[in-house]
Amino acid sequence: MRDARIVSRCMLILDLLLPGMSGIELFHHLRETGHAVDTVVISALESELDKARKLCPEAIAFLQKPFDMGSLLTVVHSISEADT
């Protein structure tokens, strides 16, 4: 994480339950270090998504697993269109 660099426009699909650093912690770490990456938050737990909605309101979307690929592709498409 110390040596990671984001050098171009990107999007992050972030699972909330990560080993070590939580998804919410990673989201805030990226923002605090100047990397405001478009983020789609995913989790199998609705309670975790509710928590993320409150703590990460800047995220682009929140999807509960299992989700259909069409839902994710719609979000990705909307992000790519917003960039043009």
Protein backbone atom coordinates (compact mmCIF):
# COMPACT_ATOMS: atom_id res chain seq x y z
CA MET A 1 0.00 0.00 0.00
CA ARG A 2 2.85 2.41 0.76
CA ASP A 3 4.27 2.12 -2.73
CA ALA A 4 0.99 2.02 -4.67
CA ARG A 5 0.43 4.79 -7.18
CA ILE A 6 -2.68 5.56 -9.12
CA VAL A 7 -1.49 7.12 -12.34
CA SER A 8 -4.59 7.11 -14.51
CA ARG A 9 -8.34 7.28 -14.24
CA CYS A 10 -9.69 4.14 -12.66
CA MET A 11 -12.58 2.61 -10.79
CA LEU A 12 -12.47 0.48 -7.67
CA ILE A 13 -14.86 -2.37 -6.90
CA LEU A 14 -14.44 -2.67 -3.17
CA ASP A 15 -15.57 -5.53 -0.97
CA LEU A 16 -16.12 -4.32 2.59
CA LEU A 17 -14.85 -7.42 4.38
CA LEU A 18 -11.17 -7.48 3.45
CA PRO A 19 -8.46 -9.20 5.49
CA GLY A 20 -6.34 -6.73 7.44
CA MET A 21 -7.70 -3.32 6.44
CA SER A 22 -11.48 -3.08 6.07
CA GLY A 23 -13.00 -1.81 2.85
CA ILE A 24 -14.18 1.34 4.64
CA GLU A 25 -10.66 1.95 5.95
CA LEU A 26 -9.21 1.48 2.46
CA PHE A 27 -11.79 3.86 0.97
CA HIS A 28 -10.87 6.58 3.46
CA HIS A 29 -7.14 5.91 3.13
CA LEU A 30 -7.34 6.45 -0.63
CA ARG A 31 -9.26 9.70 -0.19
CA GLU A 32 -6.90 10.97 2.52
CA THR A 33 -3.91 10.35 0.25
CA GLY A 34 -5.46 12.27 -2.64
CA HIS A 35 -6.84 9.32 -4.61
CA ALA A 36 -10.54 10.04 -5.04
CA VAL A 37 -11.28 6.90 -7.05
CA ASP A 38 -14.80 6.17 -8.29
CA THR A 39 -15.83 3.32 -6.01
CA VAL A 40 -18.51 0.65 -6.15
CA VAL A 41 -18.95 -0.91 -2.71
CA ILE A 42 -20.03 -4.54 -2.48
CA SER A 43 -20.89 -6.83 0.42
CA ALA A 44 -22.97 -9.88 1.17
CA LEU A 45 -24.18 -8.24 4.38
CA GLU A 46 -26.87 -5.57 4.18
CA SER A 47 -25.79 -4.26 7.61
CA GLU A 48 -22.29 -3.61 6.23
CA LEU A 49 -23.72 -1.81 3.19
CA ASP A 50 -25.87 0.36 5.49
CA LYS A 51 -22.76 1.24 7.49
CA ALA A 52 -20.83 2.04 4.29
CA ARG A 53 -23.65 4.27 2.99
CA LYS A 54 -23.24 6.39 6.13
CA LEU A 55 -19.42 6.36 6.27
CA CYS A 56 -18.67 6.50 2.52
CA PRO A 57 -21.42 8.62 0.96
CA GLU A 58 -19.04 9.57 -1.87
CA ALA A 59 -19.11 6.01 -3.25
CA ILE A 60 -20.79 5.72 -6.64
CA ALA A 61 -22.92 2.64 -5.85
CA PHE A 62 -23.59 -0.01 -3.22
CA LEU A 63 -24.38 -3.56 -4.37
CA GLN A 64 -25.35 -6.53 -2.25
CA LYS A 65 -23.89 -9.91 -3.19
CA PRO A 66 -24.93 -11.90 -4.99
CA PHE A 67 -25.73 -9.28 -7.62
CA ASP A 68 -26.32 -9.80 -11.29
CA MET A 69 -23.57 -8.71 -13.66
CA GLY A 70 -26.02 -6.39 -15.43
CA SER A 71 -26.28 -4.23 -12.31
CA LEU A 72 -22.53 -3.85 -12.09
CA LEU A 73 -22.17 -3.19 -15.82
CA THR A 74 -24.83 -0.46 -15.61
CA VAL A 75 -22.81 1.29 -12.91
CA VAL A 76 -19.54 0.89 -14.82
CA HIS A 77 -21.16 2.23 -17.98
CA SER A 78 -22.58 5.27 -16.14
CA ILE A 79 -19.13 6.05 -14.70
CA SER A 80 -17.45 5.78 -18.10
CA GLU A 81 -20.10 8.00 -19.71
CA ALA A 82 -19.65 10.63 -16.98
CA ASP A 83 -15.94 10.76 -17.84
CA THR A 84 -16.56 11.71 -21.46
